N, C-alpha and C. Protein backbone atom coordinates (compact mmCIF):
# COMPACT_ATOMS: atom_id res chain seq x y z
N MET A 1 -9.66 24.33 0.53
CA MET A 1 -8.85 23.50 -0.31
C MET A 1 -9.58 22.84 -1.37
N ASN A 2 -9.35 22.89 -2.54
CA ASN A 2 -9.97 22.34 -3.76
C ASN A 2 -9.42 20.86 -3.78
N ARG A 3 -10.24 19.96 -3.97
CA ARG A 3 -9.88 18.50 -4.16
C ARG A 3 -10.44 18.14 -5.49
N ARG A 4 -9.77 17.34 -6.11
CA ARG A 4 -10.16 16.58 -7.51
C ARG A 4 -10.19 15.18 -7.32
N VAL A 5 -11.24 14.49 -7.81
CA VAL A 5 -11.19 13.15 -7.91
C VAL A 5 -10.97 12.70 -9.43
N THR A 6 -10.03 11.79 -9.52
CA THR A 6 -9.81 11.49 -10.88
C THR A 6 -10.22 9.89 -11.03
N PRO A 7 -11.14 9.54 -12.00
CA PRO A 7 -11.39 8.15 -12.19
C PRO A 7 -10.26 7.23 -12.41
N THR A 8 -10.36 6.03 -11.94
CA THR A 8 -9.20 5.13 -12.30
C THR A 8 -9.69 4.38 -13.57
N THR A 9 -8.56 4.43 -14.48
CA THR A 9 -8.78 4.10 -15.84
C THR A 9 -7.94 2.93 -16.23
N PHE A 10 -7.02 2.48 -15.46
CA PHE A 10 -6.09 1.41 -15.86
C PHE A 10 -6.66 0.19 -15.84
N SER A 11 -6.03 -0.77 -16.59
CA SER A 11 -6.57 -2.22 -16.75
C SER A 11 -5.51 -3.04 -16.09
N PRO A 12 -5.98 -3.79 -14.95
CA PRO A 12 -4.85 -4.68 -14.34
C PRO A 12 -4.35 -5.84 -15.27
N GLU A 13 -5.19 -6.03 -16.47
CA GLU A 13 -4.74 -7.16 -17.33
C GLU A 13 -3.66 -6.68 -18.21
N SER A 14 -3.65 -5.28 -18.48
CA SER A 14 -2.72 -4.81 -19.40
C SER A 14 -1.63 -3.71 -19.01
N ASP A 15 -2.22 -2.95 -17.93
CA ASP A 15 -1.33 -1.89 -17.48
C ASP A 15 -0.50 -2.36 -16.18
N PRO A 16 0.75 -1.78 -16.01
CA PRO A 16 1.53 -2.15 -14.90
C PRO A 16 0.98 -1.67 -13.57
N PHE A 17 1.31 -2.37 -12.47
CA PHE A 17 0.97 -1.93 -11.11
C PHE A 17 1.81 -2.50 -10.20
N ASP A 18 1.89 -1.90 -9.02
CA ASP A 18 2.72 -2.37 -7.93
C ASP A 18 2.09 -3.05 -6.93
N GLU A 19 2.50 -4.12 -6.23
CA GLU A 19 2.10 -4.92 -5.24
C GLU A 19 2.03 -4.35 -3.78
N LEU A 20 0.95 -4.29 -3.19
CA LEU A 20 0.95 -3.59 -1.87
C LEU A 20 0.59 -4.85 -0.75
N TYR A 21 1.16 -4.87 0.37
CA TYR A 21 0.96 -6.02 1.27
C TYR A 21 0.37 -5.39 2.58
N ALA A 22 -0.60 -6.01 3.19
CA ALA A 22 -1.15 -5.60 4.43
C ALA A 22 -0.93 -6.99 5.39
N GLY A 23 -0.26 -6.59 6.45
CA GLY A 23 0.06 -7.68 7.35
C GLY A 23 -0.67 -7.74 8.72
N GLY A 24 -1.49 -8.64 8.98
CA GLY A 24 -2.12 -8.86 10.20
C GLY A 24 -2.19 -7.65 11.11
N SER A 25 -1.44 -7.79 12.21
CA SER A 25 -1.34 -6.51 13.11
C SER A 25 -0.57 -5.39 12.67
N GLY A 26 0.00 -5.55 11.49
CA GLY A 26 0.88 -4.38 10.96
C GLY A 26 2.37 -4.77 11.01
N PHE A 27 3.08 -3.99 10.53
CA PHE A 27 4.62 -4.04 10.44
C PHE A 27 5.27 -3.38 11.35
N LYS A 28 6.65 -3.07 11.11
CA LYS A 28 7.45 -2.36 12.13
C LYS A 28 6.92 -1.05 12.44
N ASN A 29 6.99 -0.52 13.59
CA ASN A 29 6.46 0.65 13.98
C ASN A 29 4.95 0.91 13.84
N GLY A 30 4.23 0.05 13.64
CA GLY A 30 2.74 0.07 13.32
C GLY A 30 2.27 0.43 11.88
N VAL A 31 3.21 0.38 10.95
CA VAL A 31 3.09 0.81 9.67
C VAL A 31 2.05 -0.41 8.99
N PRO A 32 0.91 -0.06 8.53
CA PRO A 32 0.02 -1.06 8.10
C PRO A 32 0.24 -1.70 6.75
N LEU A 33 0.99 -1.00 5.89
CA LEU A 33 1.19 -1.47 4.53
C LEU A 33 2.66 -1.45 4.15
N ILE A 34 3.21 -2.42 3.20
CA ILE A 34 4.41 -2.34 2.61
C ILE A 34 4.21 -2.57 1.15
N SER A 35 4.97 -1.83 0.46
CA SER A 35 4.88 -2.03 -1.02
C SER A 35 6.26 -2.39 -1.67
N GLU A 36 6.17 -2.94 -2.77
CA GLU A 36 7.30 -3.35 -3.53
C GLU A 36 8.19 -2.27 -4.18
N SER A 37 7.57 -1.15 -4.32
CA SER A 37 8.26 0.19 -4.88
C SER A 37 7.54 1.37 -4.30
N LYS A 38 8.19 2.46 -4.46
CA LYS A 38 7.72 3.79 -4.17
C LYS A 38 8.07 5.04 -5.24
N PRO A 39 7.58 6.10 -4.97
CA PRO A 39 7.92 7.08 -5.91
C PRO A 39 9.35 7.38 -5.77
N GLY A 40 9.98 7.60 -7.04
CA GLY A 40 11.41 7.73 -7.04
C GLY A 40 12.29 6.38 -7.57
N ASP A 41 11.44 5.28 -7.24
CA ASP A 41 12.11 3.99 -7.67
C ASP A 41 11.94 3.90 -9.22
N GLY A 42 12.86 3.20 -10.00
CA GLY A 42 12.79 3.14 -11.43
C GLY A 42 11.63 2.24 -11.91
N ASP A 43 11.22 1.44 -10.95
CA ASP A 43 10.08 0.53 -11.42
C ASP A 43 8.73 0.82 -10.69
N PHE A 44 8.65 2.07 -10.20
CA PHE A 44 7.39 2.52 -9.63
C PHE A 44 6.28 2.85 -10.88
N ASN A 45 5.12 2.35 -10.66
CA ASN A 45 4.26 2.52 -11.69
C ASN A 45 2.95 3.57 -11.43
N GLY A 46 3.45 4.66 -10.69
CA GLY A 46 2.64 5.82 -10.84
C GLY A 46 1.48 5.78 -9.84
N GLY A 47 1.46 4.96 -8.94
CA GLY A 47 0.36 4.89 -7.87
C GLY A 47 -0.72 3.87 -8.20
N ARG A 48 -0.56 2.92 -9.11
CA ARG A 48 -1.44 1.88 -9.46
C ARG A 48 -1.14 0.62 -8.54
N TRP A 49 -2.06 0.12 -7.73
CA TRP A 49 -1.77 -0.83 -6.73
C TRP A 49 -2.51 -2.07 -6.90
N HIS A 50 -2.09 -3.14 -6.43
CA HIS A 50 -2.69 -4.52 -6.36
C HIS A 50 -2.56 -4.85 -4.85
N MET A 51 -3.72 -5.20 -4.25
CA MET A 51 -3.79 -5.46 -2.72
C MET A 51 -3.50 -6.95 -2.50
N ASN A 52 -2.52 -7.27 -1.53
CA ASN A 52 -2.39 -8.57 -1.00
C ASN A 52 -2.55 -8.63 0.49
N VAL A 53 -3.25 -9.54 1.04
CA VAL A 53 -3.31 -9.62 2.66
C VAL A 53 -2.71 -10.88 3.22
N LEU A 54 -2.49 -10.73 4.53
CA LEU A 54 -1.83 -11.92 5.21
C LEU A 54 -2.88 -13.00 5.29
N LYS A 55 -2.54 -14.16 5.11
CA LYS A 55 -3.35 -15.38 5.12
C LYS A 55 -3.90 -15.49 6.63
N ASP A 56 -5.03 -15.99 6.73
CA ASP A 56 -5.67 -16.29 8.23
C ASP A 56 -4.83 -17.23 8.83
N SER A 57 -4.11 -18.19 8.22
CA SER A 57 -3.31 -19.16 8.82
C SER A 57 -2.03 -18.64 9.39
N VAL A 58 -1.60 -17.52 9.00
CA VAL A 58 -0.32 -17.02 9.57
C VAL A 58 -0.51 -16.00 10.68
N PRO A 59 0.23 -16.24 11.69
CA PRO A 59 -0.01 -15.45 13.00
C PRO A 59 0.21 -13.92 12.68
N ALA A 60 -0.76 -13.33 13.25
CA ALA A 60 -0.89 -11.80 12.83
C ALA A 60 0.21 -10.96 13.21
N ASP A 61 1.05 -11.50 14.16
CA ASP A 61 2.32 -10.60 14.44
C ASP A 61 3.57 -11.11 13.95
N LYS A 62 3.49 -12.13 13.02
CA LYS A 62 4.67 -12.62 12.48
C LYS A 62 5.57 -11.53 11.71
N TYR A 63 5.12 -10.60 11.28
CA TYR A 63 5.95 -9.50 10.64
C TYR A 63 5.95 -8.23 11.41
N ALA A 64 5.97 -8.37 12.68
CA ALA A 64 5.76 -7.06 13.49
C ALA A 64 7.23 -6.26 13.28
N ASN A 65 8.18 -6.98 12.83
CA ASN A 65 9.52 -6.25 12.67
C ASN A 65 9.96 -5.93 11.20
N ALA A 66 9.05 -6.34 10.33
CA ALA A 66 9.33 -5.97 8.87
C ALA A 66 9.18 -4.71 8.39
N CYS A 67 10.08 -4.20 7.59
CA CYS A 67 10.10 -2.85 7.14
C CYS A 67 10.25 -2.72 5.53
N LYS A 68 10.49 -3.86 4.81
CA LYS A 68 10.51 -3.95 3.45
C LYS A 68 10.03 -5.18 3.00
N VAL A 69 9.65 -5.21 1.76
CA VAL A 69 9.09 -6.36 1.05
C VAL A 69 10.04 -7.53 1.18
N GLU A 70 11.36 -7.36 1.02
CA GLU A 70 12.30 -8.43 1.29
C GLU A 70 12.29 -9.04 2.50
N ASP A 71 11.61 -8.65 3.61
CA ASP A 71 11.41 -9.12 4.89
C ASP A 71 10.23 -10.06 4.91
N LEU A 72 9.59 -10.11 3.84
CA LEU A 72 8.23 -10.87 3.80
C LEU A 72 8.53 -12.27 3.16
N ASP A 73 7.74 -13.34 3.49
CA ASP A 73 7.57 -14.43 2.74
C ASP A 73 6.37 -14.31 1.96
N LEU A 74 6.37 -14.07 0.68
CA LEU A 74 5.15 -13.72 -0.03
C LEU A 74 4.22 -14.89 -0.19
N ASN A 75 4.67 -16.05 0.14
CA ASN A 75 3.77 -17.26 0.29
C ASN A 75 2.70 -17.02 1.44
N ASP A 76 3.01 -16.10 2.42
CA ASP A 76 2.17 -16.01 3.48
C ASP A 76 0.93 -14.96 3.26
N PHE A 77 0.96 -14.42 2.05
CA PHE A 77 0.03 -13.49 1.63
C PHE A 77 -0.86 -14.11 0.49
N MET A 78 -2.03 -13.52 0.48
CA MET A 78 -3.00 -13.92 -0.68
C MET A 78 -3.41 -12.84 -1.47
N SER A 79 -3.54 -13.01 -2.58
CA SER A 79 -3.94 -12.00 -3.53
C SER A 79 -5.46 -11.57 -3.44
N THR A 80 -5.90 -10.43 -3.54
CA THR A 80 -7.31 -10.15 -3.60
C THR A 80 -7.56 -9.59 -5.08
N PRO A 81 -8.86 -9.40 -5.17
CA PRO A 81 -9.29 -8.78 -6.52
C PRO A 81 -9.34 -7.25 -6.61
N ASN A 82 -8.73 -6.74 -5.53
CA ASN A 82 -8.55 -5.17 -5.44
C ASN A 82 -7.43 -4.61 -6.13
N TYR A 83 -7.83 -3.73 -7.00
CA TYR A 83 -6.83 -2.88 -7.68
C TYR A 83 -7.42 -1.45 -7.58
N PHE A 84 -6.40 -0.55 -7.25
CA PHE A 84 -6.87 0.87 -7.15
C PHE A 84 -5.76 1.69 -7.70
N GLU A 85 -6.01 3.12 -7.77
CA GLU A 85 -5.00 4.06 -8.10
C GLU A 85 -5.12 5.20 -6.99
N CYS A 86 -3.85 5.40 -6.57
CA CYS A 86 -3.64 6.33 -5.53
C CYS A 86 -2.24 6.86 -5.53
N PRO A 87 -1.84 8.11 -6.08
CA PRO A 87 -0.63 8.52 -6.18
C PRO A 87 -0.13 8.95 -4.83
N LEU A 88 1.12 8.65 -4.46
CA LEU A 88 1.83 9.00 -3.22
C LEU A 88 2.45 10.31 -3.37
N LEU A 89 2.27 11.33 -2.67
CA LEU A 89 2.91 12.57 -2.88
C LEU A 89 3.58 12.95 -1.55
N PRO A 90 4.74 13.76 -1.67
CA PRO A 90 5.35 14.15 -0.36
C PRO A 90 4.42 15.07 0.37
N VAL A 91 4.44 15.05 1.73
CA VAL A 91 3.63 15.91 2.47
C VAL A 91 4.24 17.38 2.40
N ARG A 92 3.28 18.28 2.10
CA ARG A 92 3.64 19.63 1.58
C ARG A 92 4.59 20.20 2.80
N GLY A 93 5.68 20.90 2.32
CA GLY A 93 6.45 21.62 3.25
C GLY A 93 7.63 20.64 3.86
N GLN A 94 7.62 19.39 3.56
CA GLN A 94 8.60 18.52 4.23
C GLN A 94 9.69 18.03 3.21
N GLY A 95 9.54 18.26 1.93
CA GLY A 95 10.50 18.04 0.90
C GLY A 95 10.49 16.60 0.60
N ARG A 96 11.51 16.32 -0.35
CA ARG A 96 11.68 14.98 -1.00
C ARG A 96 12.21 14.04 -0.07
N GLY A 97 11.49 12.79 0.05
CA GLY A 97 12.14 11.66 0.81
C GLY A 97 11.55 11.64 2.24
N SER A 98 10.58 12.57 2.60
CA SER A 98 10.02 12.55 3.84
C SER A 98 8.77 11.76 3.83
N ASN A 99 7.78 11.94 4.79
CA ASN A 99 6.62 11.20 4.80
C ASN A 99 5.88 11.39 3.59
N ILE A 100 5.04 10.38 3.29
CA ILE A 100 4.19 10.46 2.02
C ILE A 100 2.67 10.19 2.45
N GLN A 101 1.89 10.84 1.62
CA GLN A 101 0.41 10.65 2.01
C GLN A 101 -0.39 10.58 0.67
N SER A 102 -1.51 10.20 0.62
CA SER A 102 -2.32 10.21 -0.53
C SER A 102 -2.94 11.75 -0.76
N GLU A 103 -2.87 12.01 -2.00
CA GLU A 103 -3.52 13.51 -2.22
C GLU A 103 -4.79 13.68 -1.87
N GLY A 104 -5.14 14.71 -0.91
CA GLY A 104 -6.45 14.93 -0.48
C GLY A 104 -6.99 13.82 0.53
N SER A 105 -6.21 13.13 0.97
CA SER A 105 -6.62 12.12 1.89
C SER A 105 -6.81 12.45 3.32
N GLU A 106 -7.76 11.77 4.05
CA GLU A 106 -7.67 12.04 5.44
C GLU A 106 -7.41 10.77 6.28
N GLU A 107 -6.86 10.90 7.48
CA GLU A 107 -6.38 9.69 8.14
C GLU A 107 -7.67 8.82 8.49
N VAL A 108 -7.62 7.62 8.42
CA VAL A 108 -8.59 6.63 8.69
C VAL A 108 -8.11 5.52 9.58
N PRO A 109 -8.85 4.94 10.45
CA PRO A 109 -8.32 3.87 11.16
C PRO A 109 -7.96 2.74 10.33
N TRP A 110 -6.81 2.02 10.83
CA TRP A 110 -6.22 0.87 9.96
C TRP A 110 -7.35 -0.20 9.93
N SER A 111 -8.14 -0.49 11.04
CA SER A 111 -9.10 -1.49 10.95
C SER A 111 -10.07 -1.25 9.80
N SER A 112 -10.52 -0.03 9.46
CA SER A 112 -11.28 0.31 8.32
C SER A 112 -10.62 -0.08 7.07
N VAL A 113 -9.23 0.24 6.89
CA VAL A 113 -8.61 -0.10 5.63
C VAL A 113 -8.59 -1.65 5.47
N LYS A 114 -8.27 -2.23 6.51
CA LYS A 114 -8.17 -3.77 6.53
C LYS A 114 -9.49 -4.33 5.94
N LYS A 115 -10.51 -3.93 6.61
CA LYS A 115 -11.80 -4.40 6.29
C LYS A 115 -12.13 -4.30 4.73
N THR A 116 -11.69 -2.98 4.24
CA THR A 116 -12.05 -2.76 2.79
C THR A 116 -11.45 -3.76 1.91
N PHE A 117 -10.16 -4.33 2.10
CA PHE A 117 -9.47 -5.15 1.20
C PHE A 117 -9.74 -6.62 1.55
N GLN A 118 -10.36 -6.98 2.49
CA GLN A 118 -10.57 -8.42 2.78
C GLN A 118 -11.78 -8.97 2.25
């Protein structure tokens, strides 16, 4: 399989991005991240993300049943200096509206992802 790396060229100060939230021990069904928009939404910004993490003072399991941004109290999260570009694409062969993955990505443990953004 051929894989291509595209350098990130957007500027957080001038280009639009979407907010991504990482919650303590995860969200409903063990999902590690919740975003404010997704591919297909009118306000989706093409896979440019800003990372927010749950504050240490908030219980790690507070959002164990959350499945959308509206389930979160955004005051429980803190902004990080991390911005990145990662387009989300349908898993090949499963059609529109099914699971999504990052192009060319491999599965990594949630603990590794969490450490990256703290």
